[in-house]
Amino acid sequence: MPTRTHLMDVASGGPVSAHVRVNPADTGSVLLDLGGAGRAALTCAEARNVAAALLREAAAAEDRDGPRHAEAVHLRGDQYAVSVRGHVLTVDQPVADGGADTAPTPLELFTASLAGCVAHYAGRYLARHGIDREGLRVTVDHTMATDRPARIASADVSVFAPRLPEERTAGLLAVASHCTVHNTLIRPPEVTMAVKEAGTCASRTS
């Protein structure tokens, strides 16, 4: 069953009817049919790349109040497109670990989320007290555990802020240390996991 959508023809401003379906001439590829605008047979990897690009372009029009849902879709090798409310980012692995190093690793994004959350709370504290946020930055250096299971053993968070009175420094630290990501780390959530069947799309080989 083909999936139909309507795209806007940039030249004419009119709608273009688009059909996306498995290529009947090659079940290892996907057929993108834009009617009079042409058609193209894409490999599964190419189709996923196009989908990721469309998600990025649609982000500006996406409803920002959507469900708390994240999705990771395989692109190629160890590269995945992760979408959250229409925002799309990519994760990969270093070359030494078999990846292509085209993007940060999921673990690096994890520590980056801690840095970003601490920075947000610290910035809000400074703004609330009329202190310029210019120069504010947060670094996170982590150490991996040497035993199993594989995990981060420790994280060293440094908040670089403008010179503050002693009482403001203590207040800033108190607020930053209660950011949502840090709260989640010190009180881990319950995580459930299940395997569900996915549709298959075999890669086309030359």
N, C-alpha and C. Protein backbone atom coordinates (compact mmCIF):
# COMPACT_ATOMS: atom_id res chain seq x y z
N MET A 1 0.86 -1.19 0.00
CA MET A 1 0.00 0.00 0.00
C MET A 1 0.89 1.24 0.00
N PRO A 2 0.84 2.05 -1.06
CA PRO A 2 1.69 3.23 -1.11
C PRO A 2 1.27 4.28 -0.09
N THR A 3 2.24 5.07 0.33
CA THR A 3 1.97 6.20 1.22
C THR A 3 1.94 7.45 0.37
N ARG A 4 0.88 8.24 0.49
CA ARG A 4 0.76 9.44 -0.32
C ARG A 4 0.88 10.67 0.56
N THR A 5 1.59 11.64 0.05
CA THR A 5 1.68 12.93 0.72
C THR A 5 1.64 14.00 -0.34
N HIS A 6 1.52 15.24 0.05
CA HIS A 6 1.48 16.35 -0.91
C HIS A 6 2.62 17.30 -0.62
N LEU A 7 3.46 17.53 -1.60
CA LEU A 7 4.57 18.45 -1.48
C LEU A 7 4.27 19.72 -2.26
N MET A 8 4.87 20.81 -1.88
CA MET A 8 4.65 22.08 -2.58
C MET A 8 5.71 22.25 -3.65
N ASP A 9 5.28 22.41 -4.89
CA ASP A 9 6.19 22.66 -5.99
C ASP A 9 6.78 24.06 -5.82
N VAL A 10 8.11 24.13 -5.65
CA VAL A 10 8.75 25.42 -5.37
C VAL A 10 8.58 26.39 -6.52
N ALA A 11 8.62 25.89 -7.74
CA ALA A 11 8.56 26.77 -8.91
C ALA A 11 7.16 27.35 -9.11
N SER A 12 6.13 26.47 -9.03
CA SER A 12 4.79 26.93 -9.34
C SER A 12 3.98 27.31 -8.12
N GLY A 13 4.41 26.81 -6.93
CA GLY A 13 3.64 27.09 -5.72
C GLY A 13 2.46 26.16 -5.57
N GLY A 14 2.27 25.24 -6.53
CA GLY A 14 1.16 24.31 -6.47
C GLY A 14 1.54 23.01 -5.80
N PRO A 15 0.55 22.22 -5.38
CA PRO A 15 0.84 20.97 -4.70
C PRO A 15 1.32 19.90 -5.67
N VAL A 16 2.18 19.04 -5.21
CA VAL A 16 2.67 17.91 -5.99
C VAL A 16 2.27 16.65 -5.24
N SER A 17 1.58 15.73 -5.92
CA SER A 17 1.18 14.48 -5.29
C SER A 17 2.36 13.53 -5.31
N ALA A 18 2.76 13.03 -4.15
CA ALA A 18 3.92 12.15 -4.05
C ALA A 18 3.50 10.79 -3.56
N HIS A 19 4.04 9.76 -4.20
CA HIS A 19 3.79 8.39 -3.78
C HIS A 19 5.13 7.79 -3.34
N VAL A 20 5.12 7.13 -2.20
CA VAL A 20 6.31 6.44 -1.70
C VAL A 20 5.93 4.99 -1.48
N ARG A 21 6.64 4.08 -2.14
CA ARG A 21 6.32 2.66 -2.00
C ARG A 21 7.54 1.82 -2.34
N VAL A 22 7.47 0.55 -1.97
CA VAL A 22 8.55 -0.37 -2.32
C VAL A 22 8.60 -0.47 -3.84
N ASN A 23 9.79 -0.36 -4.41
CA ASN A 23 9.97 -0.41 -5.85
C ASN A 23 9.58 -1.79 -6.37
N PRO A 24 8.53 -1.90 -7.20
CA PRO A 24 8.11 -3.22 -7.68
C PRO A 24 9.17 -3.90 -8.54
N ALA A 25 10.08 -3.12 -9.11
CA ALA A 25 11.14 -3.70 -9.95
C ALA A 25 12.32 -4.17 -9.11
N ASP A 26 12.35 -3.76 -7.86
CA ASP A 26 13.49 -4.10 -6.99
C ASP A 26 13.02 -3.96 -5.55
N THR A 27 12.69 -5.08 -4.91
CA THR A 27 12.14 -5.01 -3.56
C THR A 27 13.16 -4.54 -2.53
N GLY A 28 14.42 -4.36 -2.95
CA GLY A 28 15.43 -3.85 -2.05
C GLY A 28 15.57 -2.35 -2.10
N SER A 29 14.62 -1.68 -2.79
CA SER A 29 14.69 -0.23 -2.88
C SER A 29 13.31 0.37 -2.70
N VAL A 30 13.29 1.69 -2.59
CA VAL A 30 12.05 2.43 -2.38
C VAL A 30 11.84 3.37 -3.56
N LEU A 31 10.63 3.43 -4.06
CA LEU A 31 10.33 4.28 -5.21
C LEU A 31 9.66 5.56 -4.74
N LEU A 32 10.25 6.70 -5.09
CA LEU A 32 9.67 8.00 -4.80
C LEU A 32 9.13 8.56 -6.11
N ASP A 33 7.82 8.64 -6.21
CA ASP A 33 7.15 9.08 -7.43
C ASP A 33 6.49 10.43 -7.19
N LEU A 34 6.99 11.48 -7.87
CA LEU A 34 6.44 12.82 -7.75
C LEU A 34 5.57 13.18 -8.93
N GLY A 35 5.03 12.18 -9.61
CA GLY A 35 4.15 12.42 -10.75
C GLY A 35 4.90 13.08 -11.88
N GLY A 36 4.38 14.22 -12.35
CA GLY A 36 5.02 14.93 -13.45
C GLY A 36 6.38 15.48 -13.12
N ALA A 37 6.70 15.58 -11.83
CA ALA A 37 8.00 16.11 -11.42
C ALA A 37 9.10 15.06 -11.50
N GLY A 38 8.72 13.81 -11.78
CA GLY A 38 9.72 12.76 -11.92
C GLY A 38 9.62 11.71 -10.84
N ARG A 39 10.48 10.71 -10.94
CA ARG A 39 10.49 9.63 -9.98
C ARG A 39 11.92 9.16 -9.77
N ALA A 40 12.17 8.53 -8.65
CA ALA A 40 13.52 8.06 -8.36
C ALA A 40 13.45 6.79 -7.51
N ALA A 41 14.34 5.84 -7.84
CA ALA A 41 14.47 4.63 -7.04
C ALA A 41 15.61 4.86 -6.05
N LEU A 42 15.30 4.77 -4.77
CA LEU A 42 16.28 5.04 -3.72
C LEU A 42 16.62 3.76 -2.99
N THR A 43 17.87 3.62 -2.60
CA THR A 43 18.22 2.53 -1.71
C THR A 43 17.57 2.82 -0.36
N CYS A 44 17.50 1.81 0.49
CA CYS A 44 16.90 2.03 1.80
C CYS A 44 17.65 3.11 2.57
N ALA A 45 18.98 3.10 2.48
CA ALA A 45 19.79 4.11 3.17
C ALA A 45 19.48 5.50 2.63
N GLU A 46 19.37 5.61 1.30
CA GLU A 46 19.05 6.91 0.69
C GLU A 46 17.67 7.39 1.12
N ALA A 47 16.71 6.46 1.17
CA ALA A 47 15.35 6.83 1.58
C ALA A 47 15.34 7.33 3.01
N ARG A 48 16.12 6.68 3.87
CA ARG A 48 16.17 7.13 5.26
C ARG A 48 16.83 8.50 5.37
N ASN A 49 17.86 8.74 4.54
CA ASN A 49 18.51 10.05 4.56
C ASN A 49 17.55 11.14 4.10
N VAL A 50 16.75 10.84 3.07
CA VAL A 50 15.76 11.79 2.60
C VAL A 50 14.73 12.06 3.69
N ALA A 51 14.30 10.98 4.37
CA ALA A 51 13.32 11.13 5.45
C ALA A 51 13.89 12.00 6.57
N ALA A 52 15.16 11.79 6.92
CA ALA A 52 15.78 12.59 7.97
C ALA A 52 15.84 14.06 7.56
N ALA A 53 16.18 14.30 6.28
CA ALA A 53 16.25 15.68 5.80
C ALA A 53 14.87 16.34 5.83
N LEU A 54 13.85 15.60 5.46
CA LEU A 54 12.49 16.14 5.49
C LEU A 54 12.06 16.45 6.92
N LEU A 55 12.44 15.59 7.85
CA LEU A 55 12.12 15.85 9.26
C LEU A 55 12.78 17.13 9.74
N ARG A 56 14.04 17.33 9.33
CA ARG A 56 14.74 18.55 9.74
C ARG A 56 14.03 19.79 9.19
N GLU A 57 13.61 19.71 7.92
CA GLU A 57 12.96 20.87 7.30
C GLU A 57 11.57 21.10 7.92
N ALA A 58 10.93 20.01 8.37
CA ALA A 58 9.59 20.14 8.94
C ALA A 58 9.61 20.61 10.38
N ALA A 59 10.79 20.63 10.99
CA ALA A 59 10.88 20.95 12.42
C ALA A 59 10.27 22.30 12.75
N ALA A 60 10.48 23.28 11.85
CA ALA A 60 9.98 24.63 12.13
C ALA A 60 8.46 24.67 12.20
N ALA A 61 7.80 23.76 11.46
CA ALA A 61 6.34 23.75 11.44
C ALA A 61 5.76 22.71 12.40
N GLU A 62 6.62 21.95 13.06
CA GLU A 62 6.15 20.87 13.93
C GLU A 62 5.51 21.44 15.19
N ASP A 63 4.49 20.77 15.70
CA ASP A 63 3.86 21.16 16.95
C ASP A 63 4.84 20.93 18.08
N ARG A 64 5.24 21.99 18.78
CA ARG A 64 6.23 21.90 19.85
C ARG A 64 5.67 21.26 21.11
N ASP A 65 4.37 21.04 21.17
CA ASP A 65 3.76 20.47 22.37
C ASP A 65 3.39 19.01 22.18
N GLY A 66 4.15 18.30 21.37
CA GLY A 66 3.87 16.91 21.09
C GLY A 66 4.20 16.01 22.27
N PRO A 67 3.97 14.70 22.13
CA PRO A 67 4.22 13.76 23.22
C PRO A 67 5.70 13.65 23.54
N ARG A 68 6.00 13.17 24.73
CA ARG A 68 7.39 12.98 25.14
C ARG A 68 7.90 11.69 24.51
N HIS A 69 8.33 11.80 23.28
CA HIS A 69 8.65 10.63 22.48
C HIS A 69 9.90 10.90 21.68
N ALA A 70 10.82 9.97 21.70
CA ALA A 70 12.04 10.05 20.88
C ALA A 70 12.14 8.79 20.06
N GLU A 71 12.67 8.92 18.85
CA GLU A 71 12.78 7.76 17.96
C GLU A 71 14.13 7.77 17.25
N ALA A 72 14.79 6.62 17.24
CA ALA A 72 16.06 6.47 16.55
C ALA A 72 15.85 5.53 15.36
N VAL A 73 16.23 5.99 14.17
CA VAL A 73 16.04 5.22 12.94
C VAL A 73 17.40 4.98 12.29
N HIS A 74 17.66 3.75 11.90
CA HIS A 74 18.95 3.41 11.30
C HIS A 74 19.13 4.08 9.95
N LEU A 75 20.31 4.65 9.73
CA LEU A 75 20.65 5.26 8.45
C LEU A 75 21.62 4.38 7.68
N ARG A 76 22.81 4.22 8.25
CA ARG A 76 23.82 3.34 7.63
C ARG A 76 24.87 3.02 8.69
N GLY A 77 25.47 1.85 8.59
CA GLY A 77 26.53 1.49 9.53
C GLY A 77 26.08 1.67 10.97
N ASP A 78 26.83 2.46 11.73
CA ASP A 78 26.47 2.76 13.12
C ASP A 78 25.81 4.12 13.25
N GLN A 79 25.31 4.66 12.15
CA GLN A 79 24.71 5.99 12.15
C GLN A 79 23.18 5.87 12.27
N TYR A 80 22.62 6.67 13.19
CA TYR A 80 21.18 6.68 13.41
C TYR A 80 20.67 8.12 13.45
N ALA A 81 19.47 8.32 12.92
CA ALA A 81 18.81 9.63 13.02
C ALA A 81 17.86 9.57 14.20
N VAL A 82 18.02 10.48 15.14
CA VAL A 82 17.18 10.52 16.33
C VAL A 82 16.27 11.74 16.23
N SER A 83 14.96 11.51 16.26
CA SER A 83 14.02 12.63 16.13
C SER A 83 13.27 12.84 17.44
N VAL A 84 13.10 14.10 17.81
CA VAL A 84 12.36 14.51 19.00
C VAL A 84 11.52 15.72 18.63
N ARG A 85 10.21 15.59 18.61
CA ARG A 85 9.32 16.70 18.26
C ARG A 85 9.70 17.39 16.96
N GLY A 86 10.11 16.59 15.97
CA GLY A 86 10.45 17.16 14.68
C GLY A 86 11.89 17.61 14.56
N HIS A 87 12.61 17.72 15.68
CA HIS A 87 14.03 18.03 15.63
C HIS A 87 14.79 16.74 15.35
N VAL A 88 15.76 16.80 14.46
CA VAL A 88 16.51 15.59 14.11
C VAL A 88 17.99 15.80 14.35
N LEU A 89 18.61 14.85 15.02
CA LEU A 89 20.06 14.86 15.20
C LEU A 89 20.58 13.47 14.90
N THR A 90 21.87 13.37 14.71
CA THR A 90 22.47 12.10 14.32
C THR A 90 23.46 11.63 15.35
N VAL A 91 23.53 10.31 15.53
CA VAL A 91 24.54 9.71 16.39
C VAL A 91 25.34 8.71 15.57
N ASP A 92 26.59 8.51 15.96
CA ASP A 92 27.48 7.58 15.26
C ASP A 92 28.48 7.06 16.28
N GLN A 93 29.48 6.35 15.82
CA GLN A 93 30.56 5.84 16.68
C GLN A 93 31.89 6.27 16.09
N PRO A 94 32.94 6.38 16.91
CA PRO A 94 34.27 6.73 16.39
C PRO A 94 34.78 5.66 15.42
N VAL A 95 35.70 6.05 14.56
CA VAL A 95 36.27 5.11 13.60
C VAL A 95 36.91 3.93 14.32
N ALA A 96 37.55 4.21 15.44
CA ALA A 96 38.23 3.14 16.19
C ALA A 96 37.24 2.09 16.69
N ASP A 97 35.97 2.46 16.82
CA ASP A 97 34.95 1.53 17.30
C ASP A 97 34.09 1.00 16.16
N GLY A 98 34.54 1.21 14.92
CA GLY A 98 33.81 0.67 13.78
C GLY A 98 32.85 1.61 13.11
N GLY A 99 32.71 2.83 13.62
CA GLY A 99 31.81 3.80 13.01
C GLY A 99 32.53 4.68 12.01
N ALA A 100 31.85 5.74 11.57
CA ALA A 100 32.43 6.67 10.61
C ALA A 100 32.72 8.03 11.24
N ASP A 101 32.41 8.20 12.53
CA ASP A 101 32.66 9.43 13.26
C ASP A 101 32.02 10.64 12.60
N THR A 102 30.78 10.45 12.10
CA THR A 102 30.06 11.55 11.46
C THR A 102 29.26 12.37 12.46
N ALA A 103 29.18 11.89 13.69
CA ALA A 103 28.35 12.56 14.70
C ALA A 103 28.80 12.10 16.08
N PRO A 104 28.32 12.77 17.14
CA PRO A 104 28.64 12.32 18.50
C PRO A 104 28.05 10.94 18.77
N THR A 105 28.55 10.28 19.78
CA THR A 105 27.99 9.00 20.20
C THR A 105 26.80 9.27 21.13
N PRO A 106 25.92 8.28 21.32
CA PRO A 106 24.82 8.46 22.27
C PRO A 106 25.32 8.82 23.66
N LEU A 107 26.45 8.23 24.08
CA LEU A 107 26.99 8.53 25.40
C LEU A 107 27.45 9.99 25.49
N GLU A 108 28.02 10.50 24.40
CA GLU A 108 28.45 11.90 24.38
C GLU A 108 27.24 12.84 24.45
N LEU A 109 26.15 12.46 23.79
CA LEU A 109 24.95 13.28 23.87
C LEU A 109 24.37 13.23 25.28
N PHE A 110 24.55 12.10 25.95
CA PHE A 110 24.08 11.98 27.33
C PHE A 110 24.80 12.98 28.23
N THR A 111 26.13 13.04 28.14
CA THR A 111 26.87 14.00 28.97
C THR A 111 26.60 15.43 28.50
N ALA A 112 26.37 15.60 27.19
CA ALA A 112 26.05 16.93 26.68
C ALA A 112 24.71 17.41 27.23
N SER A 113 23.76 16.48 27.41
CA SER A 113 22.47 16.88 27.96
C SER A 113 22.62 17.34 29.40
N LEU A 114 23.54 16.71 30.14
CA LEU A 114 23.80 17.16 31.51
C LEU A 114 24.40 18.56 31.50
N ALA A 115 25.37 18.79 30.62
CA ALA A 115 25.99 20.12 30.53
C ALA A 115 24.95 21.17 30.14
N GLY A 116 24.11 20.84 29.16
CA GLY A 116 23.11 21.80 28.71
C GLY A 116 22.08 22.11 29.77
N CYS A 117 21.68 21.09 30.52
CA CYS A 117 20.67 21.30 31.56
C CYS A 117 21.22 22.14 32.71
N VAL A 118 22.45 21.84 33.14
CA VAL A 118 23.08 22.62 34.20
C VAL A 118 23.24 24.07 33.75
N ALA A 119 23.66 24.27 32.50
CA ALA A 119 23.84 25.62 31.97
C ALA A 119 22.52 26.38 31.96
N HIS A 120 21.45 25.70 31.59
CA HIS A 120 20.14 26.34 31.55
C HIS A 120 19.73 26.83 32.94
N TYR A 121 19.86 25.96 33.93
CA TYR A 121 19.47 26.34 35.30
C TYR A 121 20.38 27.45 35.84
N ALA A 122 21.68 27.33 35.56
CA ALA A 122 22.61 28.36 36.02
C ALA A 122 22.30 29.70 35.36
N GLY A 123 22.00 29.66 34.07
CA GLY A 123 21.67 30.89 33.36
C GLY A 123 20.41 31.55 33.88
N ARG A 124 19.40 30.73 34.17
CA ARG A 124 18.17 31.28 34.71
C ARG A 124 18.41 31.91 36.08
N TYR A 125 19.29 31.30 36.89
CA TYR A 125 19.60 31.86 38.21
C TYR A 125 20.26 33.23 38.06
N LEU A 126 21.25 33.33 37.15
CA LEU A 126 21.93 34.60 36.95
C LEU A 126 20.96 35.68 36.46
N ALA A 127 20.12 35.31 35.50
CA ALA A 127 19.16 36.28 34.96
C ALA A 127 18.19 36.76 36.04
N ARG A 128 17.77 35.83 36.89
CA ARG A 128 16.82 36.17 37.94
C ARG A 128 17.40 37.19 38.92
N HIS A 129 18.73 37.17 39.07
CA HIS A 129 19.38 38.10 40.00
C HIS A 129 20.05 39.26 39.27
N GLY A 130 19.67 39.47 38.01
CA GLY A 130 20.16 40.61 37.26
C GLY A 130 21.63 40.54 36.92
N ILE A 131 22.17 39.32 36.78
CA ILE A 131 23.59 39.14 36.47
C ILE A 131 23.72 38.70 35.02
N ASP A 132 24.59 39.37 34.27
CA ASP A 132 24.78 39.07 32.86
C ASP A 132 25.29 37.64 32.69
N ARG A 133 24.68 36.91 31.75
CA ARG A 133 25.09 35.52 31.50
C ARG A 133 26.28 35.41 30.55
N GLU A 134 26.79 36.55 30.10
CA GLU A 134 27.93 36.55 29.19
C GLU A 134 29.09 35.76 29.81
N GLY A 135 29.62 34.80 29.05
CA GLY A 135 30.76 34.02 29.52
C GLY A 135 30.38 32.75 30.25
N LEU A 136 29.09 32.57 30.54
CA LEU A 136 28.66 31.36 31.24
C LEU A 136 28.91 30.14 30.36
N ARG A 137 29.55 29.15 30.93
CA ARG A 137 29.73 27.88 30.23
C ARG A 137 29.85 26.75 31.24
N VAL A 138 29.51 25.55 30.80
CA VAL A 138 29.53 24.37 31.66
C VAL A 138 30.27 23.26 30.94
N THR A 139 31.18 22.61 31.64
CA THR A 139 31.88 21.47 31.07
C THR A 139 31.55 20.22 31.89
N VAL A 140 31.55 19.08 31.22
CA VAL A 140 31.34 17.79 31.88
C VAL A 140 32.42 16.83 31.41
N ASP A 141 33.22 16.35 32.34
CA ASP A 141 34.23 15.34 32.04
C ASP A 141 33.82 14.05 32.75
N HIS A 142 33.72 12.97 32.00
CA HIS A 142 33.25 11.73 32.59
C HIS A 142 34.32 10.64 32.54
N THR A 143 34.18 9.70 33.45
CA THR A 143 35.07 8.54 33.53
C THR A 143 34.23 7.28 33.41
N MET A 144 34.68 6.36 32.57
CA MET A 144 33.96 5.11 32.38
C MET A 144 34.32 4.12 33.48
N ALA A 145 33.38 3.30 33.86
CA ALA A 145 33.62 2.25 34.85
C ALA A 145 34.57 1.21 34.26
N THR A 146 35.37 0.61 35.09
CA THR A 146 36.32 -0.42 34.62
C THR A 146 35.74 -1.82 34.72
N ASP A 147 34.55 -1.95 35.36
CA ASP A 147 33.92 -3.27 35.45
C ASP A 147 32.62 -3.27 34.66
N ARG A 148 31.91 -4.35 34.67
CA ARG A 148 30.65 -4.49 33.96
C ARG A 148 29.48 -4.22 34.91
N PRO A 149 28.35 -3.74 34.39
CA PRO A 149 28.08 -3.42 33.00
C PRO A 149 28.75 -2.13 32.56
N ALA A 150 28.88 -1.94 31.25
CA ALA A 150 29.48 -0.71 30.72
C ALA A 150 28.62 0.48 31.14
N ARG A 151 29.28 1.50 31.71
CA ARG A 151 28.53 2.65 32.20
C ARG A 151 29.50 3.77 32.56
N ILE A 152 28.96 4.95 32.77
CA ILE A 152 29.76 6.06 33.28
C ILE A 152 29.88 5.89 34.79
N ALA A 153 31.11 5.93 35.30
CA ALA A 153 31.34 5.76 36.74
C ALA A 153 31.24 7.09 37.48
N SER A 154 31.70 8.17 36.83
CA SER A 154 31.66 9.47 37.50
C SER A 154 31.63 10.58 36.46
N ALA A 155 31.09 11.72 36.88
CA ALA A 155 31.04 12.89 36.00
C ALA A 155 31.45 14.11 36.81
N ASP A 156 32.37 14.88 36.26
CA ASP A 156 32.86 16.09 36.92
C ASP A 156 32.30 17.29 36.18
N VAL A 157 31.40 18.02 36.83
CA VAL A 157 30.73 19.17 36.21
C VAL A 157 31.34 20.46 36.73
N SER A 158 31.75 21.33 35.83
CA SER A 158 32.31 22.63 36.20
C SER A 158 31.46 23.74 35.59
N VAL A 159 31.03 24.68 36.43
CA VAL A 159 30.24 25.82 35.97
C VAL A 159 31.14 27.05 36.00
N PHE A 160 31.39 27.62 34.84
CA PHE A 160 32.21 28.83 34.73
C PHE A 160 31.26 30.01 34.61
N ALA A 161 31.29 30.87 35.61
CA ALA A 161 30.35 31.98 35.69
C ALA A 161 31.09 33.28 36.00
N PRO A 162 30.44 34.41 35.78
CA PRO A 162 31.05 35.70 36.16
C PRO A 162 31.37 35.71 37.65
N ARG A 163 32.28 36.59 38.06
CA ARG A 163 32.62 36.70 39.48
C ARG A 163 31.37 37.08 40.27
N LEU A 164 31.11 36.31 41.34
CA LEU A 164 29.89 36.50 42.12
C LEU A 164 30.21 36.66 43.60
N PRO A 165 29.34 37.34 44.34
CA PRO A 165 29.47 37.35 45.80
C PRO A 165 29.35 35.92 46.32
N GLU A 166 29.94 35.65 47.48
CA GLU A 166 29.97 34.29 48.01
C GLU A 166 28.58 33.68 48.13
N GLU A 167 27.61 34.47 48.60
CA GLU A 167 26.27 33.92 48.78
C GLU A 167 25.61 33.59 47.45
N ARG A 168 25.94 34.37 46.41
CA ARG A 168 25.39 34.09 45.09
C ARG A 168 26.05 32.84 44.50
N THR A 169 27.33 32.62 44.78
CA THR A 169 28.02 31.43 44.29
C THR A 169 27.37 30.17 44.87
N ALA A 170 27.09 30.20 46.17
CA ALA A 170 26.44 29.06 46.81
C ALA A 170 25.04 28.84 46.24
N GLY A 171 24.32 29.94 46.00
CA GLY A 171 22.99 29.82 45.43
C GLY A 171 23.01 29.26 44.03
N LEU A 172 23.98 29.72 43.23
CA LEU A 172 24.11 29.22 41.86
C LEU A 172 24.38 27.73 41.87
N LEU A 173 25.28 27.27 42.72
CA LEU A 173 25.60 25.85 42.80
C LEU A 173 24.39 25.03 43.23
N ALA A 174 23.63 25.55 44.20
CA ALA A 174 22.45 24.84 44.67
C ALA A 174 21.41 24.68 43.56
N VAL A 175 21.19 25.75 42.80
CA VAL A 175 20.20 25.71 41.73
C VAL A 175 20.68 24.80 40.59
N ALA A 176 21.94 24.96 40.16
CA ALA A 176 22.47 24.17 39.05
C ALA A 176 22.47 22.68 39.37
N SER A 177 22.75 22.34 40.63
CA SER A 177 22.83 20.93 41.00
C SER A 177 21.46 20.26 41.09
N HIS A 178 20.41 21.07 40.96
CA HIS A 178 19.06 20.51 40.96
C HIS A 178 18.42 20.60 39.57
N CYS A 179 19.23 20.64 38.54
CA CYS A 179 18.67 20.63 37.19
C CYS A 179 17.99 19.27 36.96
N THR A 180 17.07 19.22 36.02
CA THR A 180 16.26 18.02 35.80
C THR A 180 17.09 16.80 35.43
N VAL A 181 18.12 16.99 34.60
CA VAL A 181 18.94 15.84 34.21
C VAL A 181 19.71 15.30 35.41
N HIS A 182 20.28 16.22 36.22
CA HIS A 182 21.01 15.77 37.41
C HIS A 182 20.06 15.09 38.39
N ASN A 183 18.87 15.64 38.57
CA ASN A 183 17.88 14.98 39.42
C ASN A 183 17.57 13.57 38.94
N THR A 184 17.50 13.40 37.62
CA THR A 184 17.21 12.09 37.04
C THR A 184 18.35 11.11 37.30
N LEU A 185 19.58 11.62 37.29
CA LEU A 185 20.73 10.75 37.53
C LEU A 185 20.80 10.28 38.98
N ILE A 186 20.48 11.16 39.90
CA ILE A 186 20.60 10.77 41.31
C ILE A 186 19.36 10.00 41.79
N ARG A 187 18.27 10.11 41.03
CA ARG A 187 17.09 9.30 41.30
C ARG A 187 16.67 8.64 39.99
N PRO A 188 17.36 7.56 39.59
CA PRO A 188 17.16 6.94 38.27
C PRO A 188 15.70 6.55 38.04
N PRO A 189 15.21 6.76 36.81
CA PRO A 189 13.83 6.38 36.49
C PRO A 189 13.72 4.88 36.26
N GLU A 190 12.51 4.37 36.34
CA GLU A 190 12.26 2.99 35.95
C GLU A 190 12.24 2.93 34.43
N VAL A 191 13.02 2.04 33.85
CA VAL A 191 13.10 1.91 32.40
C VAL A 191 12.60 0.52 32.01
N THR A 192 11.62 0.46 31.15
CA THR A 192 11.14 -0.82 30.63
C THR A 192 11.59 -0.94 29.18
N MET A 193 11.80 -2.15 28.73
CA MET A 193 12.29 -2.37 27.37
C MET A 193 11.63 -3.60 26.78
N ALA A 194 11.24 -3.52 25.51
CA ALA A 194 10.60 -4.64 24.83
C ALA A 194 11.04 -4.66 23.37
N VAL A 195 11.03 -5.82 22.76
CA VAL A 195 11.36 -5.97 21.35
C VAL A 195 10.06 -6.14 20.57
N LYS A 196 9.87 -5.32 19.55
CA LYS A 196 8.66 -5.39 18.72
C LYS A 196 9.07 -5.57 17.27
N GLU A 197 8.24 -6.23 16.52
CA GLU A 197 8.56 -6.51 15.12
C GLU A 197 8.50 -5.24 14.28
N ALA A 198 9.49 -5.07 13.43
CA ALA A 198 9.54 -3.91 12.54
C ALA A 198 9.43 -4.37 11.10
N GLY A 199 8.96 -3.49 10.23
CA GLY A 199 8.93 -3.81 8.82
C GLY A 199 10.35 -3.90 8.29
N THR A 200 10.59 -4.76 7.34
CA THR A 200 11.93 -4.95 6.79
C THR A 200 12.08 -4.20 5.48
N CYS A 201 13.28 -3.78 5.23
CA CYS A 201 13.64 -3.09 3.99
C CYS A 201 15.07 -3.43 3.71
N ALA A 202 15.31 -4.45 2.91
CA ALA A 202 16.66 -4.93 2.68
C ALA A 202 17.47 -3.94 1.87
N SER A 203 18.76 -3.81 2.17
CA SER A 203 19.63 -2.92 1.44
C SER A 203 19.90 -3.46 0.04
N ARG A 204 19.91 -2.58 -0.95
CA ARG A 204 20.18 -3.00 -2.31
C ARG A 204 21.67 -3.06 -2.54
N THR A 205 22.14 -4.12 -3.13
CA THR A 205 23.56 -4.28 -3.44
C THR A 205 23.78 -4.18 -4.93
N SER A 206 24.94 -3.70 -5.33
CA SER A 206 25.23 -3.53 -6.76
C SER A 206 25.82 -4.81 -7.29
